[in-house]
Amino acid sequence: MRRVVLASDNPAKLAAVRSGFQRMFPEEPLAFDGVNVPSEVAEQPFSDEETLRGAFNRARNAARQNPQADFWVGVEGGVEEMGGGLAAFAWVVILAEGCSGKARTGAFFLPPAVAEWVRQGVALGEADDRVFGRNGSSRQNGAVGLLTGDVLDRAGLISEGVVLALIPFKNRDLYG
């Protein structure tokens, strides 16, 4: 059985990683663990580049903490000003011996009330909780779930990023 270590104990992220790996490798027996490691970026990354760096740092730090695993996964949610609004997305970085993959999820624009809190330095999950009167939304359905009425939740959005980040693992002959 191959072991996958996610650099987070967030239930939504763990569900996303499990779903993505199981979709890409349905016949492979896999065990999943979550660990807390630092991202070495701001609590709320505010650019595409900073968010990618946070995901990579998480995966690398998970590998350092759990060297016996087969895969290490970093997921980092971020925001970036674009087109007159604040877009939200996540980066997924997957590391393994001799291979790595990375992908970004789809992006969506935050409503002005949420965006204003984030611009003031409040992390997106906390901003969602304030605007929507919730508690712990980042560990549940996330902003995308709140805004779509759970047509797409945080785990579903991130799962697509996991699938895309696993492309090099499914096509090692093309990626080296």
N, C-alpha and C. Protein backbone atom coordinates (compact mmCIF):
# COMPACT_ATOMS: atom_id res chain seq x y z
N MET A 1 0.84 -1.18 0.00
CA MET A 1 0.00 0.00 0.00
C MET A 1 0.88 1.24 0.00
N ARG A 2 0.57 2.16 -0.90
CA ARG A 2 1.34 3.40 -0.98
C ARG A 2 0.69 4.45 -0.08
N ARG A 3 1.56 5.26 0.53
CA ARG A 3 1.10 6.25 1.51
C ARG A 3 1.18 7.65 0.93
N VAL A 4 0.08 8.38 1.08
CA VAL A 4 -0.04 9.76 0.63
C VAL A 4 -0.15 10.64 1.87
N VAL A 5 0.74 11.62 1.99
CA VAL A 5 0.70 12.55 3.12
C VAL A 5 0.31 13.93 2.61
N LEU A 6 -0.80 14.42 3.10
CA LEU A 6 -1.26 15.77 2.80
C LEU A 6 -0.72 16.71 3.86
N ALA A 7 -0.20 17.83 3.43
CA ALA A 7 0.39 18.82 4.34
C ALA A 7 -0.70 19.70 4.95
N SER A 8 -1.71 19.06 5.53
CA SER A 8 -2.80 19.77 6.19
C SER A 8 -3.66 18.74 6.91
N ASP A 9 -4.37 19.18 7.95
CA ASP A 9 -5.35 18.31 8.59
C ASP A 9 -6.77 18.79 8.28
N ASN A 10 -6.91 19.66 7.28
CA ASN A 10 -8.20 20.20 6.90
C ASN A 10 -9.04 19.10 6.24
N PRO A 11 -10.22 18.80 6.79
CA PRO A 11 -11.05 17.71 6.24
C PRO A 11 -11.42 17.90 4.77
N ALA A 12 -11.69 19.13 4.35
CA ALA A 12 -12.05 19.38 2.95
C ALA A 12 -10.86 19.08 2.03
N LYS A 13 -9.67 19.47 2.44
CA LYS A 13 -8.48 19.19 1.63
C LYS A 13 -8.19 17.70 1.59
N LEU A 14 -8.34 17.03 2.72
CA LEU A 14 -8.09 15.59 2.76
C LEU A 14 -9.08 14.84 1.87
N ALA A 15 -10.35 15.23 1.90
CA ALA A 15 -11.35 14.61 1.02
C ALA A 15 -11.00 14.85 -0.44
N ALA A 16 -10.51 16.04 -0.75
CA ALA A 16 -10.13 16.36 -2.13
C ALA A 16 -8.96 15.52 -2.61
N VAL A 17 -7.95 15.38 -1.76
CA VAL A 17 -6.76 14.60 -2.13
C VAL A 17 -7.14 13.14 -2.31
N ARG A 18 -7.92 12.61 -1.39
CA ARG A 18 -8.36 11.21 -1.49
C ARG A 18 -9.14 11.00 -2.79
N SER A 19 -10.07 11.87 -3.08
CA SER A 19 -10.88 11.75 -4.29
C SER A 19 -10.04 11.83 -5.56
N GLY A 20 -9.13 12.79 -5.61
CA GLY A 20 -8.29 12.95 -6.80
C GLY A 20 -7.40 11.74 -7.05
N PHE A 21 -6.75 11.24 -6.01
CA PHE A 21 -5.89 10.07 -6.16
C PHE A 21 -6.70 8.84 -6.54
N GLN A 22 -7.86 8.65 -5.92
CA GLN A 22 -8.67 7.48 -6.22
C GLN A 22 -9.22 7.53 -7.64
N ARG A 23 -9.51 8.71 -8.14
CA ARG A 23 -9.98 8.83 -9.52
C ARG A 23 -8.87 8.54 -10.51
N MET A 24 -7.66 9.00 -10.21
CA MET A 24 -6.55 8.78 -11.14
C MET A 24 -5.96 7.38 -11.03
N PHE A 25 -6.00 6.78 -9.85
CA PHE A 25 -5.41 5.46 -9.63
C PHE A 25 -6.42 4.55 -8.92
N PRO A 26 -7.54 4.20 -9.60
CA PRO A 26 -8.62 3.47 -8.93
C PRO A 26 -8.22 2.06 -8.47
N GLU A 27 -7.22 1.47 -9.07
CA GLU A 27 -6.83 0.11 -8.71
C GLU A 27 -5.71 0.08 -7.66
N GLU A 28 -5.18 1.23 -7.34
CA GLU A 28 -4.02 1.31 -6.44
C GLU A 28 -4.47 1.41 -4.98
N PRO A 29 -3.99 0.52 -4.10
CA PRO A 29 -4.32 0.68 -2.68
C PRO A 29 -3.50 1.83 -2.09
N LEU A 30 -4.20 2.80 -1.50
CA LEU A 30 -3.56 4.00 -0.98
C LEU A 30 -4.04 4.27 0.44
N ALA A 31 -3.14 4.76 1.28
CA ALA A 31 -3.47 5.21 2.62
C ALA A 31 -3.19 6.71 2.68
N PHE A 32 -4.05 7.45 3.37
CA PHE A 32 -3.94 8.91 3.42
C PHE A 32 -3.79 9.39 4.85
N ASP A 33 -2.87 10.33 5.04
CA ASP A 33 -2.65 10.97 6.33
C ASP A 33 -2.54 12.47 6.13
N GLY A 34 -2.95 13.22 7.13
CA GLY A 34 -2.78 14.67 7.10
C GLY A 34 -1.88 15.10 8.24
N VAL A 35 -0.98 16.04 7.95
CA VAL A 35 -0.07 16.57 8.96
C VAL A 35 -0.02 18.09 8.83
N ASN A 36 0.18 18.74 9.96
CA ASN A 36 0.32 20.20 9.94
C ASN A 36 1.78 20.58 9.74
N VAL A 37 2.05 21.32 8.71
CA VAL A 37 3.39 21.85 8.44
C VAL A 37 3.23 23.29 7.97
N PRO A 38 4.27 24.10 8.12
CA PRO A 38 4.16 25.50 7.70
C PRO A 38 4.21 25.66 6.18
N SER A 39 3.53 26.72 5.72
CA SER A 39 3.56 27.06 4.30
C SER A 39 4.68 28.05 3.99
N GLU A 40 5.15 28.74 5.01
CA GLU A 40 6.20 29.75 4.87
C GLU A 40 5.79 30.91 3.97
N VAL A 41 4.48 31.11 3.83
CA VAL A 41 3.94 32.29 3.15
C VAL A 41 2.89 32.90 4.08
N ALA A 42 2.31 34.00 3.67
CA ALA A 42 1.28 34.65 4.49
C ALA A 42 0.11 33.71 4.74
N GLU A 43 -0.59 33.93 5.85
CA GLU A 43 -1.76 33.10 6.15
C GLU A 43 -2.74 33.12 4.98
N GLN A 44 -2.89 34.28 4.36
CA GLN A 44 -3.71 34.39 3.16
C GLN A 44 -2.83 34.86 2.01
N PRO A 45 -2.32 33.94 1.21
CA PRO A 45 -1.49 34.35 0.07
C PRO A 45 -2.28 35.28 -0.86
N PHE A 46 -1.59 36.31 -1.37
CA PHE A 46 -2.27 37.35 -2.13
C PHE A 46 -1.75 37.46 -3.55
N SER A 47 -1.29 36.36 -4.11
CA SER A 47 -0.91 36.33 -5.52
C SER A 47 -0.83 34.87 -5.97
N ASP A 48 -0.88 34.68 -7.25
CA ASP A 48 -0.75 33.35 -7.83
C ASP A 48 0.60 32.75 -7.44
N GLU A 49 1.66 33.53 -7.57
CA GLU A 49 3.02 33.05 -7.29
C GLU A 49 3.20 32.69 -5.82
N GLU A 50 2.71 33.53 -4.91
CA GLU A 50 2.85 33.26 -3.48
C GLU A 50 2.05 32.00 -3.10
N THR A 51 0.89 31.83 -3.71
CA THR A 51 0.07 30.66 -3.43
C THR A 51 0.76 29.38 -3.89
N LEU A 52 1.32 29.40 -5.09
CA LEU A 52 2.08 28.24 -5.59
C LEU A 52 3.26 27.94 -4.68
N ARG A 53 3.97 28.97 -4.27
CA ARG A 53 5.12 28.78 -3.36
C ARG A 53 4.66 28.15 -2.04
N GLY A 54 3.52 28.57 -1.52
CA GLY A 54 2.99 27.99 -0.29
C GLY A 54 2.65 26.52 -0.45
N ALA A 55 2.05 26.15 -1.58
CA ALA A 55 1.73 24.74 -1.83
C ALA A 55 3.00 23.91 -1.93
N PHE A 56 4.00 24.43 -2.64
CA PHE A 56 5.27 23.71 -2.75
C PHE A 56 5.93 23.56 -1.38
N ASN A 57 5.98 24.64 -0.62
CA ASN A 57 6.60 24.58 0.71
C ASN A 57 5.90 23.57 1.61
N ARG A 58 4.59 23.53 1.54
CA ARG A 58 3.85 22.56 2.35
C ARG A 58 4.22 21.13 1.96
N ALA A 59 4.24 20.85 0.65
CA ALA A 59 4.59 19.50 0.20
C ALA A 59 6.01 19.14 0.62
N ARG A 60 6.94 20.05 0.43
CA ARG A 60 8.33 19.81 0.82
C ARG A 60 8.47 19.58 2.32
N ASN A 61 7.78 20.39 3.13
CA ASN A 61 7.86 20.24 4.57
C ASN A 61 7.19 18.96 5.05
N ALA A 62 6.14 18.52 4.35
CA ALA A 62 5.53 17.23 4.69
C ALA A 62 6.50 16.10 4.39
N ALA A 63 7.25 16.21 3.29
CA ALA A 63 8.24 15.19 2.95
C ALA A 63 9.36 15.14 3.99
N ARG A 64 9.77 16.29 4.47
CA ARG A 64 10.81 16.33 5.50
C ARG A 64 10.33 15.69 6.80
N GLN A 65 9.08 15.92 7.13
CA GLN A 65 8.52 15.40 8.37
C GLN A 65 8.15 13.92 8.27
N ASN A 66 7.81 13.46 7.06
CA ASN A 66 7.35 12.09 6.84
C ASN A 66 8.08 11.46 5.66
N PRO A 67 9.39 11.25 5.77
CA PRO A 67 10.16 10.78 4.60
C PRO A 67 9.79 9.37 4.14
N GLN A 68 9.09 8.60 4.94
CA GLN A 68 8.75 7.24 4.58
C GLN A 68 7.54 7.15 3.64
N ALA A 69 6.83 8.24 3.41
CA ALA A 69 5.65 8.23 2.54
C ALA A 69 6.06 8.11 1.07
N ASP A 70 5.08 7.85 0.22
CA ASP A 70 5.32 7.73 -1.22
C ASP A 70 4.98 9.01 -1.98
N PHE A 71 4.00 9.76 -1.48
CA PHE A 71 3.59 11.03 -2.09
C PHE A 71 3.40 12.06 -0.98
N TRP A 72 3.76 13.30 -1.31
CA TRP A 72 3.53 14.42 -0.38
C TRP A 72 2.78 15.48 -1.15
N VAL A 73 1.69 15.96 -0.57
CA VAL A 73 0.79 16.87 -1.27
C VAL A 73 0.66 18.17 -0.49
N GLY A 74 0.88 19.28 -1.18
CA GLY A 74 0.64 20.59 -0.62
C GLY A 74 -0.52 21.25 -1.34
N VAL A 75 -1.46 21.78 -0.60
CA VAL A 75 -2.60 22.51 -1.16
C VAL A 75 -2.62 23.87 -0.49
N GLU A 76 -2.65 24.91 -1.28
CA GLU A 76 -2.68 26.27 -0.73
C GLU A 76 -3.74 27.08 -1.46
N GLY A 77 -4.65 27.66 -0.70
CA GLY A 77 -5.65 28.55 -1.28
C GLY A 77 -5.12 29.97 -1.31
N GLY A 78 -5.44 30.68 -2.37
CA GLY A 78 -4.96 32.05 -2.50
C GLY A 78 -5.97 32.94 -3.19
N VAL A 79 -5.63 34.21 -3.23
CA VAL A 79 -6.45 35.22 -3.92
C VAL A 79 -5.52 36.12 -4.71
N GLU A 80 -6.09 36.76 -5.73
CA GLU A 80 -5.32 37.71 -6.52
C GLU A 80 -6.26 38.73 -7.15
N GLU A 81 -5.83 39.98 -7.12
CA GLU A 81 -6.58 41.04 -7.80
C GLU A 81 -6.46 40.83 -9.30
N MET A 82 -7.60 40.82 -9.97
CA MET A 82 -7.58 40.75 -11.44
C MET A 82 -8.93 41.19 -11.98
N GLY A 83 -8.89 41.85 -13.10
CA GLY A 83 -10.11 42.26 -13.76
C GLY A 83 -11.05 43.09 -12.90
N GLY A 84 -10.51 43.84 -11.98
CA GLY A 84 -11.34 44.69 -11.13
C GLY A 84 -11.97 43.98 -9.94
N GLY A 85 -11.60 42.72 -9.71
CA GLY A 85 -12.16 41.98 -8.57
C GLY A 85 -11.09 41.13 -7.91
N LEU A 86 -11.50 40.41 -6.91
CA LEU A 86 -10.58 39.54 -6.18
C LEU A 86 -10.95 38.09 -6.50
N ALA A 87 -10.04 37.42 -7.20
CA ALA A 87 -10.27 36.03 -7.59
C ALA A 87 -9.70 35.09 -6.54
N ALA A 88 -10.38 33.97 -6.30
CA ALA A 88 -9.94 32.94 -5.36
C ALA A 88 -9.67 31.65 -6.13
N PHE A 89 -8.67 30.90 -5.67
CA PHE A 89 -8.23 29.67 -6.34
C PHE A 89 -7.34 28.92 -5.37
N ALA A 90 -6.84 27.77 -5.79
CA ALA A 90 -5.87 27.02 -4.99
C ALA A 90 -4.83 26.40 -5.92
N TRP A 91 -3.65 26.20 -5.38
CA TRP A 91 -2.59 25.45 -6.07
C TRP A 91 -2.40 24.12 -5.35
N VAL A 92 -2.11 23.10 -6.14
CA VAL A 92 -1.81 21.77 -5.62
C VAL A 92 -0.43 21.38 -6.13
N VAL A 93 0.45 20.97 -5.23
CA VAL A 93 1.77 20.47 -5.59
C VAL A 93 1.91 19.06 -5.01
N ILE A 94 2.32 18.11 -5.85
CA ILE A 94 2.52 16.74 -5.43
C ILE A 94 3.96 16.35 -5.71
N LEU A 95 4.63 15.87 -4.68
CA LEU A 95 6.02 15.44 -4.80
C LEU A 95 6.10 13.94 -4.53
N ALA A 96 7.02 13.28 -5.21
CA ALA A 96 7.32 11.86 -4.98
C ALA A 96 8.75 11.65 -5.45
N GLU A 97 9.30 10.51 -5.10
CA GLU A 97 10.65 10.19 -5.53
C GLU A 97 10.71 10.19 -7.06
N GLY A 98 11.51 11.08 -7.63
CA GLY A 98 11.72 11.11 -9.07
C GLY A 98 10.62 11.74 -9.90
N CYS A 99 9.62 12.36 -9.28
CA CYS A 99 8.53 12.95 -10.06
C CYS A 99 7.85 14.03 -9.23
N SER A 100 7.28 15.01 -9.92
CA SER A 100 6.48 16.03 -9.25
C SER A 100 5.42 16.53 -10.21
N GLY A 101 4.37 17.08 -9.65
CA GLY A 101 3.30 17.65 -10.45
C GLY A 101 2.72 18.85 -9.74
N LYS A 102 2.16 19.76 -10.51
CA LYS A 102 1.53 20.93 -9.93
C LYS A 102 0.40 21.38 -10.84
N ALA A 103 -0.64 21.94 -10.24
CA ALA A 103 -1.78 22.43 -11.01
C ALA A 103 -2.55 23.43 -10.17
N ARG A 104 -3.24 24.30 -10.87
CA ARG A 104 -4.09 25.28 -10.22
C ARG A 104 -5.54 24.92 -10.47
N THR A 105 -6.37 25.16 -9.49
CA THR A 105 -7.80 24.94 -9.65
C THR A 105 -8.39 26.04 -10.52
N GLY A 106 -9.65 25.91 -10.83
CA GLY A 106 -10.37 27.02 -11.43
C GLY A 106 -10.42 28.18 -10.45
N ALA A 107 -10.70 29.35 -10.98
CA ALA A 107 -10.80 30.56 -10.15
C ALA A 107 -12.21 31.11 -10.23
N PHE A 108 -12.61 31.80 -9.18
CA PHE A 108 -13.90 32.47 -9.16
C PHE A 108 -13.73 33.78 -8.40
N PHE A 109 -14.61 34.71 -8.68
CA PHE A 109 -14.50 36.03 -8.05
C PHE A 109 -15.35 36.10 -6.79
N LEU A 110 -14.75 36.70 -5.78
CA LEU A 110 -15.42 36.84 -4.49
C LEU A 110 -16.39 38.01 -4.52
N PRO A 111 -17.49 37.91 -3.77
CA PRO A 111 -18.40 39.06 -3.69
C PRO A 111 -17.71 40.22 -2.98
N PRO A 112 -18.10 41.45 -3.28
CA PRO A 112 -17.43 42.62 -2.69
C PRO A 112 -17.31 42.59 -1.18
N ALA A 113 -18.31 42.12 -0.45
CA ALA A 113 -18.24 42.13 1.01
C ALA A 113 -17.14 41.20 1.52
N VAL A 114 -16.99 40.03 0.90
CA VAL A 114 -15.94 39.10 1.29
C VAL A 114 -14.58 39.66 0.87
N ALA A 115 -14.52 40.15 -0.36
CA ALA A 115 -13.25 40.69 -0.88
C ALA A 115 -12.73 41.82 -0.01
N GLU A 116 -13.61 42.66 0.48
CA GLU A 116 -13.18 43.78 1.31
C GLU A 116 -12.52 43.30 2.60
N TRP A 117 -13.09 42.30 3.24
CA TRP A 117 -12.47 41.74 4.44
C TRP A 117 -11.08 41.18 4.12
N VAL A 118 -10.98 40.46 3.02
CA VAL A 118 -9.69 39.85 2.64
C VAL A 118 -8.67 40.95 2.36
N ARG A 119 -9.07 41.99 1.67
CA ARG A 119 -8.15 43.10 1.39
C ARG A 119 -7.68 43.78 2.68
N GLN A 120 -8.47 43.69 3.73
CA GLN A 120 -8.10 44.27 5.02
C GLN A 120 -7.20 43.33 5.84
N GLY A 121 -6.87 42.17 5.28
CA GLY A 121 -5.96 41.27 5.95
C GLY A 121 -6.59 40.07 6.63
N VAL A 122 -7.88 39.89 6.46
CA VAL A 122 -8.58 38.74 7.04
C VAL A 122 -8.48 37.57 6.07
N ALA A 123 -8.15 36.38 6.56
CA ALA A 123 -8.08 35.19 5.71
C ALA A 123 -9.45 34.90 5.11
N LEU A 124 -9.46 34.32 3.92
CA LEU A 124 -10.71 34.09 3.19
C LEU A 124 -11.73 33.31 4.01
N GLY A 125 -11.32 32.25 4.67
CA GLY A 125 -12.26 31.46 5.46
C GLY A 125 -12.93 32.28 6.56
N GLU A 126 -12.14 33.09 7.24
CA GLU A 126 -12.68 33.96 8.29
C GLU A 126 -13.60 35.03 7.68
N ALA A 127 -13.22 35.57 6.52
CA ALA A 127 -14.07 36.56 5.85
C ALA A 127 -15.41 35.93 5.47
N ASP A 128 -15.38 34.70 4.96
CA ASP A 128 -16.63 33.99 4.64
C ASP A 128 -17.48 33.83 5.89
N ASP A 129 -16.86 33.41 6.98
CA ASP A 129 -17.61 33.21 8.23
C ASP A 129 -18.28 34.51 8.67
N ARG A 130 -17.59 35.62 8.56
CA ARG A 130 -18.15 36.91 8.97
C ARG A 130 -19.32 37.32 8.07
N VAL A 131 -19.15 37.18 6.77
CA VAL A 131 -20.19 37.62 5.83
C VAL A 131 -21.39 36.68 5.85
N PHE A 132 -21.15 35.39 5.93
CA PHE A 132 -22.24 34.41 5.84
C PHE A 132 -22.76 33.94 7.20
N GLY A 133 -22.18 34.47 8.31
CA GLY A 133 -22.63 34.07 9.63
C GLY A 133 -22.37 32.61 9.93
N ARG A 134 -21.22 32.12 9.50
CA ARG A 134 -20.86 30.71 9.67
C ARG A 134 -19.70 30.59 10.63
N ASN A 135 -19.27 29.36 10.86
CA ASN A 135 -18.09 29.09 11.67
C ASN A 135 -17.35 27.90 11.06
N GLY A 136 -16.08 28.10 10.67
CA GLY A 136 -15.28 27.00 10.13
C GLY A 136 -15.57 26.64 8.69
N SER A 137 -16.05 27.57 7.90
CA SER A 137 -16.40 27.24 6.51
C SER A 137 -15.20 26.76 5.70
N SER A 138 -13.99 27.21 6.04
CA SER A 138 -12.81 26.78 5.28
C SER A 138 -12.50 25.31 5.49
N ARG A 139 -13.02 24.72 6.57
CA ARG A 139 -12.82 23.30 6.84
C ARG A 139 -14.02 22.48 6.36
N GLN A 140 -14.98 23.18 5.74
CA GLN A 140 -16.18 22.51 5.25
C GLN A 140 -16.32 22.78 3.76
N ASN A 141 -17.37 23.50 3.36
CA ASN A 141 -17.63 23.68 1.93
C ASN A 141 -16.89 24.87 1.31
N GLY A 142 -16.31 25.75 2.12
CA GLY A 142 -15.51 26.85 1.61
C GLY A 142 -16.33 27.91 0.90
N ALA A 143 -15.65 28.95 0.44
CA ALA A 143 -16.31 30.05 -0.25
C ALA A 143 -17.07 29.56 -1.47
N VAL A 144 -16.46 28.68 -2.24
CA VAL A 144 -17.11 28.20 -3.47
C VAL A 144 -18.39 27.44 -3.15
N GLY A 145 -18.41 26.68 -2.06
CA GLY A 145 -19.61 25.98 -1.66
C GLY A 145 -20.70 26.93 -1.21
N LEU A 146 -20.30 27.93 -0.42
CA LEU A 146 -21.26 28.93 0.04
C LEU A 146 -21.87 29.69 -1.14
N LEU A 147 -21.04 30.02 -2.12
CA LEU A 147 -21.50 30.84 -3.24
C LEU A 147 -22.27 30.06 -4.30
N THR A 148 -22.03 28.76 -4.39
CA THR A 148 -22.74 27.94 -5.40
C THR A 148 -23.88 27.13 -4.78
N GLY A 149 -24.14 27.30 -3.50
CA GLY A 149 -25.15 26.47 -2.84
C GLY A 149 -24.74 25.00 -2.85
N ASP A 150 -23.43 24.78 -2.74
CA ASP A 150 -22.83 23.45 -2.71
C ASP A 150 -22.96 22.66 -4.02
N VAL A 151 -23.27 23.36 -5.11
CA VAL A 151 -23.17 22.69 -6.42
C VAL A 151 -21.73 22.25 -6.62
N LEU A 152 -20.79 23.09 -6.19
CA LEU A 152 -19.36 22.75 -6.16
C LEU A 152 -18.85 23.22 -4.80
N ASP A 153 -18.29 22.29 -4.03
CA ASP A 153 -17.75 22.68 -2.74
C ASP A 153 -16.22 22.71 -2.79
N ARG A 154 -15.61 23.06 -1.67
CA ARG A 154 -14.15 23.22 -1.63
C ARG A 154 -13.44 21.92 -2.00
N ALA A 155 -13.90 20.80 -1.47
CA ALA A 155 -13.27 19.52 -1.79
C ALA A 155 -13.37 19.22 -3.29
N GLY A 156 -14.51 19.48 -3.88
CA GLY A 156 -14.68 19.24 -5.31
C GLY A 156 -13.78 20.10 -6.16
N LEU A 157 -13.66 21.38 -5.80
CA LEU A 157 -12.80 22.29 -6.54
C LEU A 157 -11.34 21.84 -6.46
N ILE A 158 -10.89 21.53 -5.25
CA ILE A 158 -9.49 21.12 -5.07
C ILE A 158 -9.22 19.77 -5.69
N SER A 159 -10.20 18.88 -5.67
CA SER A 159 -10.02 17.54 -6.25
C SER A 159 -9.63 17.62 -7.72
N GLU A 160 -10.22 18.55 -8.45
CA GLU A 160 -9.85 18.73 -9.86
C GLU A 160 -8.38 19.12 -9.98
N GLY A 161 -7.91 19.99 -9.08
CA GLY A 161 -6.49 20.36 -9.07
C GLY A 161 -5.60 19.18 -8.77
N VAL A 162 -6.04 18.30 -7.87
CA VAL A 162 -5.26 17.10 -7.55
C VAL A 162 -5.15 16.21 -8.79
N VAL A 163 -6.25 16.00 -9.48
CA VAL A 163 -6.24 15.19 -10.71
C VAL A 163 -5.25 15.77 -11.71
N LEU A 164 -5.30 17.07 -11.91
CA LEU A 164 -4.40 17.71 -12.88
C LEU A 164 -2.95 17.63 -12.44
N ALA A 165 -2.70 17.77 -11.14
CA ALA A 165 -1.31 17.67 -10.64
C ALA A 165 -0.78 16.25 -10.74
N LEU A 166 -1.65 15.27 -10.83
CA LEU A 166 -1.22 13.87 -10.96
C LEU A 166 -0.92 13.45 -12.40
N ILE A 167 -1.17 14.33 -13.36
CA ILE A 167 -0.90 13.98 -14.77
C ILE A 167 0.52 13.47 -14.98
N PRO A 168 1.56 14.14 -14.45
CA PRO A 168 2.92 13.61 -14.67
C PRO A 168 3.14 12.21 -14.09
N PHE A 169 2.42 11.87 -13.03
CA PHE A 169 2.56 10.55 -12.41
C PHE A 169 1.90 9.47 -13.25
N LYS A 170 0.86 9.83 -13.96
CA LYS A 170 0.16 8.89 -14.82
C LYS A 170 0.85 8.78 -16.18
N ASN A 171 1.70 9.74 -16.49
CA ASN A 171 2.38 9.81 -17.79
C ASN A 171 3.89 10.03 -17.61
N ARG A 172 4.49 9.22 -16.77
CA ARG A 172 5.92 9.41 -16.46
C ARG A 172 6.80 9.38 -17.70
N ASP A 173 6.43 8.60 -18.69
CA ASP A 173 7.24 8.53 -19.91
C ASP A 173 7.27 9.86 -20.66
N LEU A 174 6.24 10.67 -20.50
CA LEU A 174 6.20 11.98 -21.17
C LEU A 174 6.81 13.10 -20.35
N TYR A 175 6.84 12.92 -19.03
CA TYR A 175 7.30 13.99 -18.14
C TYR A 175 8.68 13.74 -17.56
N GLY A 176 9.19 12.55 -17.69
CA GLY A 176 10.54 12.25 -17.20
C GLY A 176 10.63 12.06 -15.72
